[in-house]
Amino acid sequence: MNNICLNNQNQIELPGPNDLIINIDLSEVCRINGMGPFTQINLLDGRNYTCAVALSFFEDLLHTHTFYKVHASHLINKVHVKRLSPGRKML
C-alpha cells in the first residue's frame, strides 16, 4: 500500500526518506511517465521523483485535473503545452 495522495492545496503528497512528506504542486509537474511498476514525476525545474506505483494510479488520482495521457506510458500537464504540430509535440 502506498501513501501517495492529493491534499487540499492541489499538491501531490509523496512519502520521502526518514518519514518525511514531499509536497509537489500540480502546477510544477510537467510530465509523469510510467516505467513498469514505477512512475517518475518530472517537474519544470528539472527535478524528478520516482514512486513505486504504476502510472494507472496517477491516472486515477489526477483524472479531474489538467493531465492528459498522450502515450501508453506518459501523462502531460496540459497547462504547459505550448504548441501541437502534426507528428511533433512540444512542451
N, C-alpha and C. Protein backbone atom coordinates (compact mmCIF):
# COMPACT_ATOMS: atom_id res chain seq x y z
N MET A 1 0.84 -1.18 0.00
CA MET A 1 0.00 0.00 0.00
C MET A 1 0.89 1.25 0.00
N ASN A 2 0.49 2.26 -0.79
CA ASN A 2 1.29 3.48 -0.85
C ASN A 2 0.60 4.58 -0.07
N ASN A 3 1.32 5.62 0.21
CA ASN A 3 0.79 6.75 0.96
C ASN A 3 0.72 8.00 0.10
N ILE A 4 0.57 7.84 -1.21
CA ILE A 4 0.51 8.97 -2.12
C ILE A 4 -0.92 9.47 -2.20
N CYS A 5 -1.10 10.78 -2.09
CA CYS A 5 -2.44 11.35 -2.15
C CYS A 5 -2.37 12.79 -2.63
N LEU A 6 -3.55 13.36 -2.88
CA LEU A 6 -3.67 14.79 -3.18
C LEU A 6 -4.13 15.49 -1.92
N ASN A 7 -3.54 16.63 -1.60
CA ASN A 7 -4.02 17.38 -0.44
C ASN A 7 -4.92 18.52 -0.91
N ASN A 8 -5.41 19.32 0.01
CA ASN A 8 -6.36 20.39 -0.31
C ASN A 8 -5.73 21.55 -1.06
N GLN A 9 -4.42 21.62 -1.15
CA GLN A 9 -3.74 22.71 -1.84
C GLN A 9 -3.30 22.31 -3.25
N ASN A 10 -3.96 21.31 -3.85
CA ASN A 10 -3.58 20.81 -5.18
C ASN A 10 -2.12 20.41 -5.24
N GLN A 11 -1.71 19.65 -4.25
CA GLN A 11 -0.35 19.12 -4.19
C GLN A 11 -0.41 17.61 -4.08
N ILE A 12 0.54 16.95 -4.74
CA ILE A 12 0.72 15.52 -4.55
C ILE A 12 1.59 15.35 -3.32
N GLU A 13 1.17 14.50 -2.41
CA GLU A 13 1.98 14.19 -1.23
C GLU A 13 2.65 12.84 -1.45
N LEU A 14 3.97 12.85 -1.44
CA LEU A 14 4.75 11.63 -1.62
C LEU A 14 5.50 11.30 -0.33
N PRO A 15 5.59 10.02 0.01
CA PRO A 15 6.42 9.66 1.15
C PRO A 15 7.89 9.83 0.78
N GLY A 16 8.65 10.48 1.64
CA GLY A 16 10.07 10.70 1.41
C GLY A 16 10.90 9.90 2.40
N PRO A 17 12.20 10.10 2.37
CA PRO A 17 13.07 9.38 3.31
C PRO A 17 12.85 9.85 4.75
N ASN A 18 13.13 8.98 5.68
CA ASN A 18 13.03 9.30 7.11
C ASN A 18 11.65 9.82 7.51
N ASP A 19 10.61 9.22 6.94
CA ASP A 19 9.22 9.56 7.27
C ASP A 19 8.84 10.99 6.92
N LEU A 20 9.58 11.63 6.03
CA LEU A 20 9.22 12.97 5.57
C LEU A 20 8.13 12.87 4.51
N ILE A 21 7.35 13.93 4.36
CA ILE A 21 6.35 14.03 3.31
C ILE A 21 6.84 15.08 2.32
N ILE A 22 6.87 14.74 1.04
CA ILE A 22 7.26 15.68 -0.02
C ILE A 22 5.98 16.18 -0.68
N ASN A 23 5.77 17.49 -0.67
CA ASN A 23 4.61 18.10 -1.32
C ASN A 23 5.03 18.67 -2.66
N ILE A 24 4.33 18.28 -3.71
CA ILE A 24 4.63 18.75 -5.07
C ILE A 24 3.39 19.45 -5.61
N ASP A 25 3.53 20.73 -5.95
CA ASP A 25 2.43 21.47 -6.56
C ASP A 25 2.14 20.90 -7.94
N LEU A 26 0.86 20.63 -8.22
CA LEU A 26 0.49 20.12 -9.53
C LEU A 26 0.91 21.06 -10.65
N SER A 27 0.90 22.36 -10.36
CA SER A 27 1.28 23.34 -11.38
C SER A 27 2.75 23.23 -11.77
N GLU A 28 3.58 22.60 -10.93
CA GLU A 28 5.00 22.43 -11.21
C GLU A 28 5.31 21.13 -11.94
N VAL A 29 4.30 20.26 -12.07
CA VAL A 29 4.51 18.98 -12.74
C VAL A 29 4.37 19.18 -14.25
N CYS A 30 5.39 18.78 -14.98
CA CYS A 30 5.38 18.88 -16.44
C CYS A 30 4.89 17.57 -17.05
N ARG A 31 5.45 16.46 -16.56
CA ARG A 31 5.17 15.15 -17.16
C ARG A 31 5.25 14.08 -16.08
N ILE A 32 4.46 13.04 -16.27
CA ILE A 32 4.51 11.86 -15.41
C ILE A 32 4.66 10.67 -16.35
N ASN A 33 5.71 9.89 -16.17
CA ASN A 33 5.89 8.75 -17.06
C ASN A 33 6.04 7.45 -16.29
N GLY A 34 5.41 6.42 -16.83
CA GLY A 34 5.44 5.10 -16.23
C GLY A 34 6.65 4.32 -16.70
N MET A 35 7.21 3.56 -15.77
CA MET A 35 8.37 2.71 -16.05
C MET A 35 8.11 1.36 -15.39
N GLY A 36 7.18 0.60 -15.98
CA GLY A 36 6.80 -0.67 -15.38
C GLY A 36 6.07 -0.43 -14.07
N PRO A 37 6.54 -1.02 -12.97
CA PRO A 37 5.87 -0.84 -11.69
C PRO A 37 6.22 0.49 -11.01
N PHE A 38 7.00 1.32 -11.67
CA PHE A 38 7.41 2.61 -11.11
C PHE A 38 6.87 3.75 -11.96
N THR A 39 6.79 4.92 -11.36
CA THR A 39 6.38 6.13 -12.06
C THR A 39 7.34 7.25 -11.70
N GLN A 40 7.72 8.03 -12.71
CA GLN A 40 8.60 9.17 -12.48
C GLN A 40 7.80 10.46 -12.70
N ILE A 41 7.88 11.36 -11.74
CA ILE A 41 7.24 12.67 -11.82
C ILE A 41 8.32 13.68 -12.18
N ASN A 42 8.14 14.37 -13.30
CA ASN A 42 9.12 15.34 -13.79
C ASN A 42 8.59 16.75 -13.56
N LEU A 43 9.39 17.58 -12.89
CA LEU A 43 8.99 18.95 -12.58
C LEU A 43 9.62 19.93 -13.57
N LEU A 44 9.04 21.12 -13.63
CA LEU A 44 9.51 22.15 -14.55
C LEU A 44 10.96 22.55 -14.29
N ASP A 45 11.39 22.50 -13.03
CA ASP A 45 12.76 22.92 -12.70
C ASP A 45 13.80 21.81 -12.91
N GLY A 46 13.38 20.67 -13.47
CA GLY A 46 14.31 19.59 -13.76
C GLY A 46 14.37 18.50 -12.70
N ARG A 47 13.79 18.74 -11.54
CA ARG A 47 13.79 17.69 -10.50
C ARG A 47 12.87 16.55 -10.93
N ASN A 48 13.20 15.33 -10.48
CA ASN A 48 12.40 14.14 -10.75
C ASN A 48 12.21 13.37 -9.46
N TYR A 49 11.03 12.78 -9.32
CA TYR A 49 10.74 11.91 -8.18
C TYR A 49 10.23 10.59 -8.73
N THR A 50 10.74 9.49 -8.21
CA THR A 50 10.32 8.17 -8.64
C THR A 50 9.53 7.51 -7.52
N CYS A 51 8.38 6.93 -7.90
CA CYS A 51 7.48 6.29 -6.93
C CYS A 51 7.28 4.83 -7.31
N ALA A 52 7.08 4.01 -6.32
CA ALA A 52 6.86 2.58 -6.55
C ALA A 52 5.38 2.28 -6.74
N VAL A 53 4.76 2.98 -7.70
CA VAL A 53 3.37 2.72 -8.09
C VAL A 53 3.29 2.81 -9.61
N ALA A 54 2.31 2.14 -10.19
CA ALA A 54 2.13 2.16 -11.64
C ALA A 54 1.51 3.48 -12.09
N LEU A 55 1.69 3.81 -13.35
CA LEU A 55 1.13 5.03 -13.92
C LEU A 55 -0.38 5.09 -13.77
N SER A 56 -1.04 3.95 -13.83
CA SER A 56 -2.51 3.91 -13.72
C SER A 56 -2.98 4.52 -12.39
N PHE A 57 -2.18 4.41 -11.35
CA PHE A 57 -2.54 5.04 -10.07
C PHE A 57 -2.66 6.55 -10.25
N PHE A 58 -1.70 7.17 -10.94
CA PHE A 58 -1.74 8.62 -11.15
C PHE A 58 -2.84 9.01 -12.13
N GLU A 59 -3.15 8.15 -13.10
CA GLU A 59 -4.28 8.43 -13.99
C GLU A 59 -5.56 8.56 -13.17
N ASP A 60 -5.77 7.64 -12.26
CA ASP A 60 -6.96 7.68 -11.41
C ASP A 60 -6.93 8.87 -10.46
N LEU A 61 -5.78 9.14 -9.88
CA LEU A 61 -5.64 10.22 -8.90
C LEU A 61 -5.88 11.59 -9.54
N LEU A 62 -5.43 11.76 -10.78
CA LEU A 62 -5.44 13.08 -11.43
C LEU A 62 -6.49 13.21 -12.53
N HIS A 63 -7.45 12.31 -12.58
CA HIS A 63 -8.41 12.32 -13.69
C HIS A 63 -9.24 13.60 -13.78
N THR A 64 -9.40 14.33 -12.71
CA THR A 64 -10.18 15.57 -12.75
C THR A 64 -9.31 16.81 -12.89
N HIS A 65 -8.03 16.63 -13.06
CA HIS A 65 -7.10 17.76 -13.17
C HIS A 65 -6.66 17.94 -14.63
N THR A 66 -5.64 18.71 -14.86
CA THR A 66 -5.24 19.11 -16.21
C THR A 66 -4.26 18.15 -16.86
N PHE A 67 -4.29 16.89 -16.50
CA PHE A 67 -3.36 15.92 -17.06
C PHE A 67 -4.02 15.10 -18.16
N TYR A 68 -3.26 14.82 -19.20
CA TYR A 68 -3.76 14.13 -20.38
C TYR A 68 -2.78 13.01 -20.75
N LYS A 69 -3.34 11.85 -21.05
CA LYS A 69 -2.50 10.71 -21.43
C LYS A 69 -2.20 10.79 -22.93
N VAL A 70 -0.95 11.06 -23.26
CA VAL A 70 -0.55 11.21 -24.66
C VAL A 70 0.10 9.95 -25.23
N HIS A 71 0.39 9.00 -24.37
CA HIS A 71 1.08 7.77 -24.76
C HIS A 71 0.75 6.74 -23.69
N ALA A 72 0.97 5.48 -23.99
CA ALA A 72 0.68 4.42 -23.02
C ALA A 72 1.41 4.61 -21.70
N SER A 73 2.56 5.30 -21.74
CA SER A 73 3.33 5.45 -20.51
C SER A 73 3.60 6.91 -20.14
N HIS A 74 2.82 7.86 -20.69
CA HIS A 74 3.07 9.28 -20.39
C HIS A 74 1.79 10.07 -20.15
N LEU A 75 1.79 10.82 -19.06
CA LEU A 75 0.78 11.84 -18.81
C LEU A 75 1.48 13.18 -18.90
N ILE A 76 0.81 14.17 -19.48
CA ILE A 76 1.38 15.51 -19.51
C ILE A 76 0.41 16.47 -18.84
N ASN A 77 0.95 17.54 -18.33
CA ASN A 77 0.15 18.61 -17.75
C ASN A 77 -0.20 19.56 -18.89
N LYS A 78 -1.48 19.61 -19.27
CA LYS A 78 -1.90 20.42 -20.42
C LYS A 78 -1.60 21.90 -20.23
N VAL A 79 -1.46 22.34 -19.01
CA VAL A 79 -1.15 23.74 -18.74
C VAL A 79 0.17 24.15 -19.38
N HIS A 80 1.10 23.21 -19.52
CA HIS A 80 2.44 23.52 -20.01
C HIS A 80 2.65 23.21 -21.49
N VAL A 81 1.60 22.82 -22.20
CA VAL A 81 1.73 22.57 -23.63
C VAL A 81 1.76 23.91 -24.35
N LYS A 82 2.81 24.13 -25.11
CA LYS A 82 2.96 25.40 -25.85
C LYS A 82 2.35 25.32 -27.23
N ARG A 83 2.52 24.17 -27.88
CA ARG A 83 2.06 24.08 -29.26
C ARG A 83 1.97 22.61 -29.66
N LEU A 84 1.03 22.28 -30.51
CA LEU A 84 0.91 20.95 -31.08
C LEU A 84 1.07 21.07 -32.59
N SER A 85 1.89 20.23 -33.16
CA SER A 85 2.10 20.19 -34.60
C SER A 85 1.90 18.76 -35.06
N PRO A 86 1.43 18.56 -36.29
CA PRO A 86 1.28 17.18 -36.78
C PRO A 86 2.59 16.41 -36.66
N GLY A 87 2.55 15.32 -35.94
CA GLY A 87 3.74 14.49 -35.79
C GLY A 87 4.73 14.96 -34.74
N ARG A 88 4.59 16.18 -34.24
CA ARG A 88 5.52 16.72 -33.23
C ARG A 88 4.73 17.40 -32.13
N LYS A 89 5.21 17.23 -30.94
CA LYS A 89 4.60 17.90 -29.80
C LYS A 89 5.70 18.57 -29.02
N MET A 90 5.46 19.78 -28.55
CA MET A 90 6.47 20.50 -27.77
C MET A 90 5.91 20.86 -26.41
N LEU A 91 6.71 20.67 -25.38
CA LEU A 91 6.33 21.10 -24.03
C LEU A 91 7.22 22.25 -23.64
